[in-house]
Amino acid sequence: MKMFLFFSHKLTPEQTEDAISMGVDEFVYLPKELQKSFSMVPPELESLDEYVKPFFKFLKSADDGDLVLIQGDFGVVCKLVEFCKKRCLKAIYATTKREVIVEKDGTKVSKFQHIRYRSY
């Protein structure tokens, strides 16, 4: 099974291990130009209908049951989740636990720990 990554970061080792435990044997990152578009959605756009079409086209290579990790601009996420559900793809997102550490100098540092993937 493949996991398509609509995600602005690289997977952590914990996220990778969790995906493999779910049966993922191939990770499909967005091509550079699509990644740039996904990570920087123009806030001036009134509608995202045309903007998301290249993402839909990219997902045409997915097979029924493949996972699609989607985390980003809320409007784009909604459109991608809707598309996935129509195509029998499993749209998921990563859940994390935040731990706040206060350094000796008073600086607060947040560390995030992957907990699990959850279906939309």
PDB file of N, CA and C in Angstrom:
ATOM      1  N   MET A   1       0.845  -1.173   0.000  1.00  0.00           N
ATOM      2  CA  MET A   1       0.000   0.000   0.000  1.00  0.00           C
ATOM      3  C   MET A   1       0.894   1.242   0.000  1.00  0.00           C
ATOM      4  N   LYS A   2       0.429   2.292  -0.703  1.00  0.00           N
ATOM      5  CA  LYS A   2       1.173   3.546  -0.768  1.00  0.00           C
ATOM      6  C   LYS A   2       0.573   4.570   0.192  1.00  0.00           C
ATOM      7  N   MET A   3       1.427   5.491   0.634  1.00  0.00           N
ATOM      8  CA  MET A   3       0.974   6.652   1.392  1.00  0.00           C
ATOM      9  C   MET A   3       1.426   7.887   0.616  1.00  0.00           C
ATOM     10  N   PHE A   4       0.439   8.653   0.134  1.00  0.00           N
ATOM     11  CA  PHE A   4       0.708   9.908  -0.546  1.00  0.00           C
ATOM     12  C   PHE A   4       0.785  11.010   0.506  1.00  0.00           C
ATOM     13  N   LEU A   5       1.775  11.884   0.377  1.00  0.00           N
ATOM     14  CA  LEU A   5       2.058  12.848   1.439  1.00  0.00           C
ATOM     15  C   LEU A   5       1.762  14.286   1.010  1.00  0.00           C
ATOM     16  N   PHE A   6       0.625  14.787   1.455  1.00  0.00           N
ATOM     17  CA  PHE A   6       0.258  16.198   1.302  1.00  0.00           C
ATOM     18  C   PHE A   6       0.533  16.817   2.666  1.00  0.00           C
ATOM     19  N   PHE A   7       1.774  17.225   2.833  1.00  0.00           N
ATOM     20  CA  PHE A   7       2.328  17.478   4.147  1.00  0.00           C
ATOM     21  C   PHE A   7       3.516  18.398   3.917  1.00  0.00           C
ATOM     22  N   SER A   8       3.715  19.398   4.735  1.00  0.00           N
ATOM     23  CA  SER A   8       4.794  20.367   4.492  1.00  0.00           C
ATOM     24  C   SER A   8       6.136  19.965   5.084  1.00  0.00           C
ATOM     25  N   HIS A   9       6.203  18.826   5.752  1.00  0.00           N
ATOM     26  CA  HIS A   9       7.434  18.391   6.406  1.00  0.00           C
ATOM     27  C   HIS A   9       7.814  17.010   5.925  1.00  0.00           C
ATOM     28  N   LYS A  10       8.983  16.572   6.288  1.00  0.00           N
ATOM     29  CA  LYS A  10       9.378  15.176   6.094  1.00  0.00           C
ATOM     30  C   LYS A  10       8.811  14.377   7.262  1.00  0.00           C
ATOM     31  N   LEU A  11       8.460  13.137   7.005  1.00  0.00           N
ATOM     32  CA  LEU A  11       7.969  12.289   8.085  1.00  0.00           C
ATOM     33  C   LEU A  11       9.076  12.051   9.109  1.00  0.00           C
ATOM     34  N   THR A  12       8.687  11.993  10.377  1.00  0.00           N
ATOM     35  CA  THR A  12       9.630  11.635  11.429  1.00  0.00           C
ATOM     36  C   THR A  12       9.819  10.115  11.398  1.00  0.00           C
ATOM     37  N   PRO A  13      10.871   9.615  12.016  1.00  0.00           N
ATOM     38  CA  PRO A  13      11.032   8.156  12.084  1.00  0.00           C
ATOM     39  C   PRO A  13       9.820   7.471  12.728  1.00  0.00           C
ATOM     40  N   GLU A  14       9.221   8.102  13.744  1.00  0.00           N
ATOM     41  CA  GLU A  14       8.049   7.511  14.399  1.00  0.00           C
ATOM     42  C   GLU A  14       6.856   7.455  13.447  1.00  0.00           C
ATOM     43  N   GLN A  15       6.670   8.513  12.663  1.00  0.00           N
ATOM     44  CA  GLN A  15       5.569   8.525  11.701  1.00  0.00           C
ATOM     45  C   GLN A  15       5.788   7.467  10.621  1.00  0.00           C
ATOM     46  N   THR A  16       7.023   7.327  10.197  1.00  0.00           N
ATOM     47  CA  THR A  16       7.346   6.321   9.181  1.00  0.00           C
ATOM     48  C   THR A  16       7.081   4.921   9.715  1.00  0.00           C
ATOM     49  N   GLU A  17       7.551   4.638  10.925  1.00  0.00           N
ATOM     50  CA  GLU A  17       7.341   3.320  11.535  1.00  0.00           C
ATOM     51  C   GLU A  17       5.861   3.021  11.697  1.00  0.00           C
ATOM     52  N   ASP A  18       5.083   4.017  12.131  1.00  0.00           N
ATOM     53  CA  ASP A  18       3.647   3.825  12.312  1.00  0.00           C
ATOM     54  C   ASP A  18       2.974   3.500  10.977  1.00  0.00           C
ATOM     55  N   ALA A  19       3.363   4.204   9.922  1.00  0.00           N
ATOM     56  CA  ALA A  19       2.787   3.946   8.598  1.00  0.00           C
ATOM     57  C   ALA A  19       3.131   2.534   8.127  1.00  0.00           C
ATOM     58  N   ILE A  20       4.372   2.124   8.332  1.00  0.00           N
ATOM     59  CA  ILE A  20       4.786   0.775   7.932  1.00  0.00           C
ATOM     60  C   ILE A  20       3.982  -0.266   8.693  1.00  0.00           C
ATOM     61  N   SER A  21       3.714  -0.012   9.982  1.00  0.00           N
ATOM     62  CA  SER A  21       2.919  -0.961  10.773  1.00  0.00           C
ATOM     63  C   SER A  21       1.479  -1.053  10.270  1.00  0.00           C
ATOM     64  N   MET A  22       1.044  -0.040   9.505  1.00  0.00           N
ATOM     65  CA  MET A  22      -0.308  -0.046   8.925  1.00  0.00           C
ATOM     66  C   MET A  22      -0.316  -0.700   7.541  1.00  0.00           C
ATOM     67  N   GLY A  23       0.842  -1.155   7.070  1.00  0.00           N
ATOM     68  CA  GLY A  23       0.922  -1.830   5.783  1.00  0.00           C
ATOM     69  C   GLY A  23       1.479  -0.993   4.651  1.00  0.00           C
ATOM     70  N   VAL A  24       1.969   0.201   4.954  1.00  0.00           N
ATOM     71  CA  VAL A  24       2.542   1.062   3.917  1.00  0.00           C
ATOM     72  C   VAL A  24       3.918   0.527   3.529  1.00  0.00           C
ATOM     73  N   ASP A  25       4.122   0.366   2.224  1.00  0.00           N
ATOM     74  CA  ASP A  25       5.440  -0.057   1.751  1.00  0.00           C
ATOM     75  C   ASP A  25       6.032   0.920   0.737  1.00  0.00           C
ATOM     76  N   GLU A  26       5.309   2.010   0.474  1.00  0.00           N
ATOM     77  CA  GLU A  26       5.832   3.035  -0.430  1.00  0.00           C
ATOM     78  C   GLU A  26       5.305   4.405  -0.009  1.00  0.00           C
ATOM     79  N   PHE A  27       6.212   5.373   0.112  1.00  0.00           N
ATOM     80  CA  PHE A  27       5.859   6.750   0.460  1.00  0.00           C
ATOM     81  C   PHE A  27       5.997   7.600  -0.796  1.00  0.00           C
ATOM     82  N   VAL A  28       4.940   8.343  -1.120  1.00  0.00           N
ATOM     83  CA  VAL A  28       4.930   9.139  -2.347  1.00  0.00           C
ATOM     84  C   VAL A  28       4.857  10.613  -1.972  1.00  0.00           C
ATOM     85  N   TYR A  29       6.017  11.276  -2.066  1.00  0.00           N
ATOM     86  CA  TYR A  29       6.070  12.715  -1.793  1.00  0.00           C
ATOM     87  C   TYR A  29       5.630  13.475  -3.028  1.00  0.00           C
ATOM     88  N   LEU A  30       5.110  14.671  -2.832  1.00  0.00           N
ATOM     89  CA  LEU A  30       4.729  15.528  -3.947  1.00  0.00           C
ATOM     90  C   LEU A  30       5.970  15.954  -4.725  1.00  0.00           C
ATOM     91  N   PRO A  31       5.857  16.082  -6.046  1.00  0.00           N
ATOM     92  CA  PRO A  31       6.964  16.664  -6.814  1.00  0.00           C
ATOM     93  C   PRO A  31       7.221  18.090  -6.326  1.00  0.00           C
ATOM     94  N   LYS A  32       8.424  18.578  -6.552  1.00  0.00           N
ATOM     95  CA  LYS A  32       8.860  19.862  -6.005  1.00  0.00           C
ATOM     96  C   LYS A  32       7.870  21.006  -6.261  1.00  0.00           C
ATOM     97  N   GLU A  33       7.398  21.153  -7.484  1.00  0.00           N
ATOM     98  CA  GLU A  33       6.484  22.266  -7.798  1.00  0.00           C
ATOM     99  C   GLU A  33       5.139  22.112  -7.096  1.00  0.00           C
ATOM    100  N   LEU A  34       4.616  20.892  -7.045  1.00  0.00           N
ATOM    101  CA  LEU A  34       3.352  20.674  -6.330  1.00  0.00           C
ATOM    102  C   LEU A  34       3.539  20.895  -4.834  1.00  0.00           C
ATOM    103  N   GLN A  35       4.689  20.485  -4.306  1.00  0.00           N
ATOM    104  CA  GLN A  35       4.962  20.707  -2.881  1.00  0.00           C
ATOM    105  C   GLN A  35       4.977  22.189  -2.566  1.00  0.00           C
ATOM    106  N   LYS A  36       5.601  22.966  -3.444  1.00  0.00           N
ATOM    107  CA  LYS A  36       5.645  24.412  -3.253  1.00  0.00           C
ATOM    108  C   LYS A  36       4.227  24.995  -3.263  1.00  0.00           C
ATOM    109  N   SER A  37       3.397  24.557  -4.194  1.00  0.00           N
ATOM    110  CA  SER A  37       2.011  25.033  -4.274  1.00  0.00           C
ATOM    111  C   SER A  37       1.208  24.621  -3.038  1.00  0.00           C
ATOM    112  N   PHE A  38       1.435  23.388  -2.571  1.00  0.00           N
ATOM    113  CA  PHE A  38       0.697  22.916  -1.403  1.00  0.00           C
ATOM    114  C   PHE A  38       1.094  23.675  -0.144  1.00  0.00           C
ATOM    115  N   SER A  39       2.372  23.988  -0.024  1.00  0.00           N
ATOM    116  CA  SER A  39       2.884  24.634   1.182  1.00  0.00           C
ATOM    117  C   SER A  39       2.624  26.141   1.230  1.00  0.00           C
ATOM    118  N   MET A  40       2.321  26.745   0.075  1.00  0.00           N
ATOM    119  CA  MET A  40       2.154  28.197   0.030  1.00  0.00           C
ATOM    120  C   MET A  40       0.891  28.574  -0.743  1.00  0.00           C
ATOM    121  N   VAL A  41      -0.261  28.227  -0.206  1.00  0.00           N
ATOM    122  CA  VAL A  41      -1.540  28.531  -0.864  1.00  0.00           C
ATOM    123  C   VAL A  41      -1.790  30.036  -0.763  1.00  0.00           C
ATOM    124  N   PRO A  42      -1.976  30.707  -1.903  1.00  0.00           N
ATOM    125  CA  PRO A  42      -2.175  32.160  -1.873  1.00  0.00           C
ATOM    126  C   PRO A  42      -3.461  32.542  -1.128  1.00  0.00           C
ATOM    127  N   PRO A  43      -3.354  33.376  -0.109  1.00  0.00           N
ATOM    128  CA  PRO A  43      -4.547  33.753   0.658  1.00  0.00           C
ATOM    129  C   PRO A  43      -5.491  34.666  -0.126  1.00  0.00           C
ATOM    130  N   GLU A  44      -5.014  35.242  -1.218  1.00  0.00           N
ATOM    131  CA  GLU A  44      -5.839  36.155  -2.001  1.00  0.00           C
ATOM    132  C   GLU A  44      -6.891  35.443  -2.846  1.00  0.00           C
ATOM    133  N   LEU A  45      -6.738  34.148  -3.076  1.00  0.00           N
ATOM    134  CA  LEU A  45      -7.680  33.426  -3.931  1.00  0.00           C
ATOM    135  C   LEU A  45      -9.061  33.371  -3.288  1.00  0.00           C
ATOM    136  N   GLU A  46     -10.056  33.722  -4.064  1.00  0.00           N
ATOM    137  CA  GLU A  46     -11.428  33.645  -3.558  1.00  0.00           C
ATOM    138  C   GLU A  46     -11.921  32.206  -3.559  1.00  0.00           C
ATOM    139  N   SER A  47     -11.490  31.422  -4.545  1.00  0.00           N
ATOM    140  CA  SER A  47     -11.898  30.025  -4.685  1.00  0.00           C
ATOM    141  C   SER A  47     -10.662  29.156  -4.891  1.00  0.00           C
ATOM    142  N   LEU A  48     -10.723  27.955  -4.395  1.00  0.00           N
ATOM    143  CA  LEU A  48      -9.620  27.005  -4.568  1.00  0.00           C
ATOM    144  C   LEU A  48      -9.927  25.943  -5.631  1.00  0.00           C
ATOM    145  N   ASP A  49     -11.075  26.061  -6.283  1.00  0.00           N
ATOM    146  CA  ASP A  49     -11.514  25.029  -7.232  1.00  0.00           C
ATOM    147  C   ASP A  49     -10.469  24.735  -8.307  1.00  0.00           C
ATOM    148  N   GLU A  50      -9.901  25.751  -8.921  1.00  0.00           N
ATOM    149  CA  GLU A  50      -8.880  25.549  -9.954  1.00  0.00           C
ATOM    150  C   GLU A  50      -7.535  25.203  -9.329  1.00  0.00           C
ATOM    151  N   TYR A  51      -7.243  25.797  -8.197  1.00  0.00           N
ATOM    152  CA  TYR A  51      -5.943  25.627  -7.545  1.00  0.00           C
ATOM    153  C   TYR A  51      -5.675  24.165  -7.184  1.00  0.00           C
ATOM    154  N   VAL A  52      -6.702  23.430  -6.788  1.00  0.00           N
ATOM    155  CA  VAL A  52      -6.511  22.056  -6.324  1.00  0.00           C
ATOM    156  C   VAL A  52      -6.468  21.021  -7.449  1.00  0.00           C
ATOM    157  N   LYS A  53      -6.819  21.417  -8.666  1.00  0.00           N
ATOM    158  CA  LYS A  53      -6.864  20.446  -9.767  1.00  0.00           C
ATOM    159  C   LYS A  53      -5.545  19.711  -9.991  1.00  0.00           C
ATOM    160  N   PRO A  54      -4.387  20.376  -9.914  1.00  0.00           N
ATOM    161  CA  PRO A  54      -3.129  19.615 -10.066  1.00  0.00           C
ATOM    162  C   PRO A  54      -2.936  18.558  -8.964  1.00  0.00           C
ATOM    163  N   PHE A  55      -3.437  18.817  -7.768  1.00  0.00           N
ATOM    164  CA  PHE A  55      -3.334  17.828  -6.690  1.00  0.00           C
ATOM    165  C   PHE A  55      -4.216  16.622  -6.997  1.00  0.00           C
ATOM    166  N   PHE A  56      -5.410  16.892  -7.503  1.00  0.00           N
ATOM    167  CA  PHE A  56      -6.312  15.797  -7.884  1.00  0.00           C
ATOM    168  C   PHE A  56      -5.670  14.951  -8.985  1.00  0.00           C
ATOM    169  N   LYS A  57      -5.076  15.620  -9.971  1.00  0.00           N
ATOM    170  CA  LYS A  57      -4.425  14.910 -11.077  1.00  0.00           C
ATOM    171  C   LYS A  57      -3.300  14.023 -10.550  1.00  0.00           C
ATOM    172  N   PHE A  58      -2.521  14.539  -9.592  1.00  0.00           N
ATOM    173  CA  PHE A  58      -1.437  13.765  -8.992  1.00  0.00           C
ATOM    174  C   PHE A  58      -1.980  12.498  -8.322  1.00  0.00           C
ATOM    175  N   LEU A  59      -3.132  12.588  -7.698  1.00  0.00           N
ATOM    176  CA  LEU A  59      -3.712  11.442  -6.989  1.00  0.00           C
ATOM    177  C   LEU A  59      -4.352  10.416  -7.920  1.00  0.00           C
ATOM    178  N   LYS A  60      -4.438  10.700  -9.199  1.00  0.00           N
ATOM    179  CA  LYS A  60      -5.018   9.736 -10.148  1.00  0.00           C
ATOM    180  C   LYS A  60      -4.208   8.443 -10.175  1.00  0.00           C
ATOM    181  N   SER A  61      -2.940   8.497  -9.784  1.00  0.00           N
ATOM    182  CA  SER A  61      -2.101   7.297  -9.776  1.00  0.00           C
ATOM    183  C   SER A  61      -2.300   6.441  -8.525  1.00  0.00           C
ATOM    184  N   ALA A  62      -3.096   6.924  -7.595  1.00  0.00           N
ATOM    185  CA  ALA A  62      -3.346   6.155  -6.364  1.00  0.00           C
ATOM    186  C   ALA A  62      -4.328   5.019  -6.633  1.00  0.00           C
ATOM    187  N   ASP A  63      -4.156   3.952  -5.888  1.00  0.00           N
ATOM    188  CA  ASP A  63      -5.045   2.798  -5.984  1.00  0.00           C
ATOM    189  C   ASP A  63      -6.051   2.819  -4.836  1.00  0.00           C
ATOM    190  N   ASP A  64      -7.207   2.203  -5.051  1.00  0.00           N
ATOM    191  CA  ASP A  64      -8.204   2.102  -3.983  1.00  0.00           C
ATOM    192  C   ASP A  64      -7.543   1.594  -2.707  1.00  0.00           C
ATOM    193  N   GLY A  65      -7.852   2.251  -1.599  1.00  0.00           N
ATOM    194  CA  GLY A  65      -7.323   1.837  -0.310  1.00  0.00           C
ATOM    195  C   GLY A  65      -5.999   2.468   0.071  1.00  0.00           C
ATOM    196  N   ASP A  66      -5.329   3.147  -0.875  1.00  0.00           N
ATOM    197  CA  ASP A  66      -4.088   3.833  -0.519  1.00  0.00           C
ATOM    198  C   ASP A  66      -4.382   4.928   0.505  1.00  0.00           C
ATOM    199  N   LEU A  67      -3.385   5.234   1.317  1.00  0.00           N
ATOM    200  CA  LEU A  67      -3.505   6.280   2.323  1.00  0.00           C
ATOM    201  C   LEU A  67      -3.040   7.609   1.755  1.00  0.00           C
ATOM    202  N   VAL A  68      -3.702   8.692   2.183  1.00  0.00           N
ATOM    203  CA  VAL A  68      -3.301  10.030   1.776  1.00  0.00           C
ATOM    204  C   VAL A  68      -3.212  10.874   3.048  1.00  0.00           C
ATOM    205  N   LEU A  69      -1.984  11.187   3.453  1.00  0.00           N
ATOM    206  CA  LEU A  69      -1.758  12.016   4.634  1.00  0.00           C
ATOM    207  C   LEU A  69      -1.923  13.466   4.210  1.00  0.00           C
ATOM    208  N   ILE A  70      -2.903  14.153   4.802  1.00  0.00           N
ATOM    209  CA  ILE A  70      -3.227  15.520   4.392  1.00  0.00           C
ATOM    210  C   ILE A  70      -3.232  16.436   5.604  1.00  0.00           C
ATOM    211  N   GLN A  71      -2.308  17.401   5.617  1.00  0.00           N
ATOM    212  CA  GLN A  71      -2.252  18.419   6.655  1.00  0.00           C
ATOM    213  C   GLN A  71      -1.726  19.695   6.029  1.00  0.00           C
ATOM    214  N   GLY A  72      -2.535  20.754   6.072  1.00  0.00           N
ATOM    215  CA  GLY A  72      -2.111  22.010   5.479  1.00  0.00           C
ATOM    216  C   GLY A  72      -3.222  23.041   5.529  1.00  0.00           C
ATOM    217  N   ASP A  73      -3.282  23.877   4.490  1.00  0.00           N
ATOM    218  CA  ASP A  73      -4.319  24.900   4.373  1.00  0.00           C
ATOM    219  C   ASP A  73      -5.696  24.245   4.517  1.00  0.00           C
ATOM    220  N   PHE A  74      -6.523  24.795   5.399  1.00  0.00           N
ATOM    221  CA  PHE A  74      -7.795  24.151   5.727  1.00  0.00           C
ATOM    222  C   PHE A  74      -8.688  23.942   4.508  1.00  0.00           C
ATOM    223  N   GLY A  75      -8.777  24.940   3.638  1.00  0.00           N
ATOM    224  CA  GLY A  75      -9.620  24.813   2.452  1.00  0.00           C
ATOM    225  C   GLY A  75      -9.133  23.729   1.513  1.00  0.00           C
ATOM    226  N   VAL A  76      -7.818  23.676   1.294  1.00  0.00           N
ATOM    227  CA  VAL A  76      -7.246  22.647   0.432  1.00  0.00           C
ATOM    228  C   VAL A  76      -7.436  21.270   1.067  1.00  0.00           C
ATOM    229  N   VAL A  77      -7.244  21.188   2.369  1.00  0.00           N
ATOM    230  CA  VAL A  77      -7.439  19.915   3.074  1.00  0.00           C
ATOM    231  C   VAL A  77      -8.861  19.410   2.860  1.00  0.00           C
ATOM    232  N   CYS A  78      -9.850  20.285   3.040  1.00  0.00           N
ATOM    233  CA  CYS A  78     -11.259  19.883   2.864  1.00  0.00           C
ATOM    234  C   CYS A  78     -11.504  19.349   1.459  1.00  0.00           C
ATOM    235  N   LYS A  79     -11.002  20.037   0.455  1.00  0.00           N
ATOM    236  CA  LYS A  79     -11.204  19.604  -0.928  1.00  0.00           C
ATOM    237  C   LYS A  79     -10.505  18.275  -1.208  1.00  0.00           C
ATOM    238  N   LEU A  80      -9.299  18.093  -0.672  1.00  0.00           N
ATOM    239  CA  LEU A  80      -8.586  16.837  -0.874  1.00  0.00           C
ATOM    240  C   LEU A  80      -9.260  15.675  -0.160  1.00  0.00           C
ATOM    241  N   VAL A  81      -9.744  15.906   1.037  1.00  0.00           N
ATOM    242  CA  VAL A  81     -10.439  14.840   1.773  1.00  0.00           C
ATOM    243  C   VAL A  81     -11.697  14.424   1.015  1.00  0.00           C
ATOM    244  N   GLU A  82     -12.444  15.391   0.530  1.00  0.00           N
ATOM    245  CA  GLU A  82     -13.652  15.099  -0.243  1.00  0.00           C
ATOM    246  C   GLU A  82     -13.303  14.280  -1.491  1.00  0.00           C
ATOM    247  N   PHE A  83     -12.253  14.684  -2.193  1.00  0.00           N
ATOM    248  CA  PHE A  83     -11.801  13.958  -3.385  1.00  0.00           C
ATOM    249  C   PHE A  83     -11.424  12.519  -3.026  1.00  0.00           C
ATOM    250  N   CYS A  84     -10.674  12.343  -1.949  1.00  0.00           N
ATOM    251  CA  CYS A  84     -10.237  11.003  -1.527  1.00  0.00           C
ATOM    252  C   CYS A  84     -11.424  10.101  -1.220  1.00  0.00           C
ATOM    253  N   LYS A  85     -12.400  10.632  -0.532  1.00  0.00           N
ATOM    254  CA  LYS A  85     -13.564   9.816  -0.166  1.00  0.00           C
ATOM    255  C   LYS A  85     -14.328   9.354  -1.404  1.00  0.00           C
ATOM    256  N   LYS A  86     -14.393  10.197  -2.428  1.00  0.00           N
ATOM    257  CA  LYS A  86     -15.063   9.814  -3.676  1.00  0.00           C
ATOM    258  C   LYS A  86     -14.272   8.762  -4.434  1.00  0.00           C
ATOM    259  N   ARG A  87     -12.953   8.718  -4.251  1.00  0.00           N
ATOM    260  CA  ARG A  87     -12.067   7.820  -4.983  1.00  0.00           C
ATOM    261  C   ARG A  87     -11.681   6.559  -4.199  1.00  0.00           C
ATOM    262  N   CYS A  88     -12.280   6.324  -3.045  1.00  0.00           N
ATOM    263  CA  CYS A  88     -11.969   5.158  -2.205  1.00  0.00           C
ATOM    264  C   CYS A  88     -10.519   5.175  -1.714  1.00  0.00           C
ATOM    265  N   LEU A  89     -10.011   6.381  -1.449  1.00  0.00           N
ATOM    266  CA  LEU A  89      -8.705   6.547  -0.831  1.00  0.00           C
ATOM    267  C   LEU A  89      -8.931   6.900   0.630  1.00  0.00           C
ATOM    268  N   LYS A  90      -8.033   6.513   1.492  1.00  0.00           N
ATOM    269  CA  LYS A  90      -8.204   6.761   2.922  1.00  0.00           C
ATOM    270  C   LYS A  90      -7.428   8.008   3.331  1.00  0.00           C
ATOM    271  N   ALA A  91      -8.159   9.101   3.551  1.00  0.00           N
ATOM    272  CA  ALA A  91      -7.551  10.365   3.974  1.00  0.00           C
ATOM    273  C   ALA A  91      -7.300  10.317   5.477  1.00  0.00           C
ATOM    274  N   ILE A  92      -6.056  10.639   5.870  1.00  0.00           N
ATOM    275  CA  ILE A  92      -5.670  10.579   7.274  1.00  0.00           C
ATOM    276  C   ILE A  92      -4.873  11.831   7.649  1.00  0.00           C
ATOM    277  N   TYR A  93      -4.704  12.021   8.953  1.00  0.00           N
ATOM    278  CA  TYR A  93      -3.816  13.064   9.469  1.00  0.00           C
ATOM    279  C   TYR A  93      -3.098  12.518  10.684  1.00  0.00           C
ATOM    280  N   ALA A  94      -1.978  13.160  11.031  1.00  0.00           N
ATOM    281  CA  ALA A  94      -1.158  12.711  12.153  1.00  0.00           C
ATOM    282  C   ALA A  94      -1.570  13.450  13.424  1.00  0.00           C
ATOM    283  N   THR A  95      -1.666  12.719  14.518  1.00  0.00           N
ATOM    284  CA  THR A  95      -1.923  13.343  15.810  1.00  0.00           C
ATOM    285  C   THR A  95      -0.616  13.362  16.605  1.00  0.00           C
ATOM    286  N   THR A  96      -0.457  14.406  17.399  1.00  0.00           N
ATOM    287  CA  THR A  96       0.767  14.558  18.185  1.00  0.00           C
ATOM    288  C   THR A  96       0.433  14.961  19.614  1.00  0.00           C
ATOM    289  N   LYS A  97       1.401  14.732  20.470  1.00  0.00           N
ATOM    290  CA  LYS A  97       1.331  15.188  21.856  1.00  0.00           C
ATOM    291  C   LYS A  97       2.425  16.230  22.018  1.00  0.00           C
ATOM    292  N   ARG A  98       2.051  17.391  22.577  1.00  0.00           N
ATOM    293  CA  ARG A  98       3.032  18.463  22.766  1.00  0.00           C
ATOM    294  C   ARG A  98       3.518  18.465  24.208  1.00  0.00           C
ATOM    295  N   GLU A  99       4.830  18.530  24.347  1.00  0.00           N
ATOM    296  CA  GLU A  99       5.456  18.650  25.657  1.00  0.00           C
ATOM    297  C   GLU A  99       6.208  19.978  25.676  1.00  0.00           C
ATOM    298  N   VAL A 100       5.869  20.829  26.647  1.00  0.00           N
ATOM    299  CA  VAL A 100       6.540  22.124  26.772  1.00  0.00           C
ATOM    300  C   VAL A 100       7.627  21.996  27.826  1.00  0.00           C
ATOM    301  N   ILE A 101       8.833  22.355  27.421  1.00  0.00           N
ATOM    302  CA  ILE A 101       9.985  22.284  28.319  1.00  0.00           C
ATOM    303  C   ILE A 101      10.464  23.716  28.563  1.00  0.00           C
ATOM    304  N   VAL A 102      10.653  24.055  29.843  1.00  0.00           N
ATOM    305  CA  VAL A 102      11.168  25.382  30.188  1.00  0.00           C
ATOM    306  C   VAL A 102      12.656  25.238  30.469  1.00  0.00           C
ATOM    307  N   GLU A 103      13.461  25.919  29.651  1.00  0.00           N
ATOM    308  CA  GLU A 103      14.910  25.879  29.803  1.00  0.00           C
ATOM    309  C   GLU A 103      15.327  26.699  31.029  1.00  0.00           C
ATOM    310  N   LYS A 104      16.562  26.543  31.466  1.00  0.00           N
ATOM    311  CA  LYS A 104      17.072  27.270  32.630  1.00  0.00           C
ATOM    312  C   LYS A 104      16.990  28.778  32.459  1.00  0.00           C
ATOM    313  N   ASP A 105      17.125  29.251  31.204  1.00  0.00           N
ATOM    314  CA  ASP A 105      17.060  30.696  30.963  1.00  0.00           C
ATOM    315  C   ASP A 105      15.623  31.210  30.802  1.00  0.00           C
ATOM    316  N   GLY A 106      14.642  30.327  30.999  1.00  0.00           N
ATOM    317  CA  GLY A 106      13.239  30.719  30.904  1.00  0.00           C
ATOM    318  C   GLY A 106      12.624  30.517  29.528  1.00  0.00           C
ATOM    319  N   THR A 107      13.430  30.145  28.560  1.00  0.00           N
ATOM    320  CA  THR A 107      12.937  29.903  27.215  1.00  0.00           C
ATOM    321  C   THR A 107      12.057  28.654  27.205  1.00  0.00           C
ATOM    322  N   LYS A 108      10.901  28.757  26.559  1.00  0.00           N
ATOM    323  CA  LYS A 108      10.012  27.609  26.421  1.00  0.00           C
ATOM    324  C   LYS A 108      10.243  26.951  25.070  1.00  0.00           C
ATOM    325  N   VAL A 109      10.383  25.635  25.101  1.00  0.00           N
ATOM    326  CA  VAL A 109      10.583  24.848  23.893  1.00  0.00           C
ATOM    327  C   VAL A 109       9.478  23.805  23.836  1.00  0.00           C
ATOM    328  N   SER A 110       8.811  23.719  22.692  1.00  0.00           N
ATOM    329  CA  SER A 110       7.773  22.709  22.509  1.00  0.00           C
ATOM    330  C   SER A 110       8.328  21.549  21.713  1.00  0.00           C
ATOM    331  N   LYS A 111       8.122  20.348  22.223  1.00  0.00           N
ATOM    332  CA  LYS A 111       8.501  19.132  21.515  1.00  0.00           C
ATOM    333  C   LYS A 111       7.217  18.382  21.188  1.00  0.00           C
ATOM    334  N   PHE A 112       7.138  17.908  19.952  1.00  0.00           N
ATOM    335  CA  PHE A 112       5.957  17.188  19.511  1.00  0.00           C
ATOM    336  C   PHE A 112       6.307  15.727  19.301  1.00  0.00           C
ATOM    337  N   GLN A 113       5.452  14.859  19.822  1.00  0.00           N
ATOM    338  CA  GLN A 113       5.655  13.424  19.691  1.00  0.00           C
ATOM    339  C   GLN A 113       4.490  12.830  18.903  1.00  0.00           C
ATOM    340  N   HIS A 114       4.805  12.110  17.833  1.00  0.00           N
ATOM    341  CA  HIS A 114       3.768  11.444  17.048  1.00  0.00           C
ATOM    342  C   HIS A 114       3.072  10.398  17.916  1.00  0.00           C
ATOM    343  N   ILE A 115       1.746  10.399  17.865  1.00  0.00           N
ATOM    344  CA  ILE A 115       0.973   9.406  18.618  1.00  0.00           C
ATOM    345  C   ILE A 115       0.344   8.381  17.673  1.00  0.00           C
ATOM    346  N   ARG A 116      -0.375   8.879  16.667  1.00  0.00           N
ATOM    347  CA  ARG A 116      -1.057   7.962  15.744  1.00  0.00           C
ATOM    348  C   ARG A 116      -1.571   8.711  14.539  1.00  0.00           C
ATOM    349  N   TYR A 117      -2.007   7.968  13.542  1.00  0.00           N
ATOM    350  CA  TYR A 117      -2.738   8.540  12.411  1.00  0.00           C
ATOM    351  C   TYR A 117      -4.225   8.366  12.690  1.00  0.00           C
ATOM    352  N   ARG A 118      -4.995   9.325  12.240  1.00  0.00           N
ATOM    353  CA  ARG A 118      -6.445   9.283  12.441  1.00  0.00           C
ATOM    354  C   ARG A 118      -7.121   9.565  11.098  1.00  0.00           C
ATOM    355  N   SER A 119      -8.205   8.856  10.819  1.00  0.00           N
ATOM    356  CA  SER A 119      -8.969   9.082   9.584  1.00  0.00           C
ATOM    357  C   SER A 119      -9.801  10.334   9.689  1.00  0.00           C
ATOM    358  N   TYR A 120      -9.942  11.012   8.550  1.00  0.00           N
ATOM    359  CA  TYR A 120     -10.870  12.152   8.477  1.00  0.00           C
ATOM    360  C   TYR A 120     -12.282  11.611   8.444  1.00  0.00           C
TER     361      TYR A 120
END
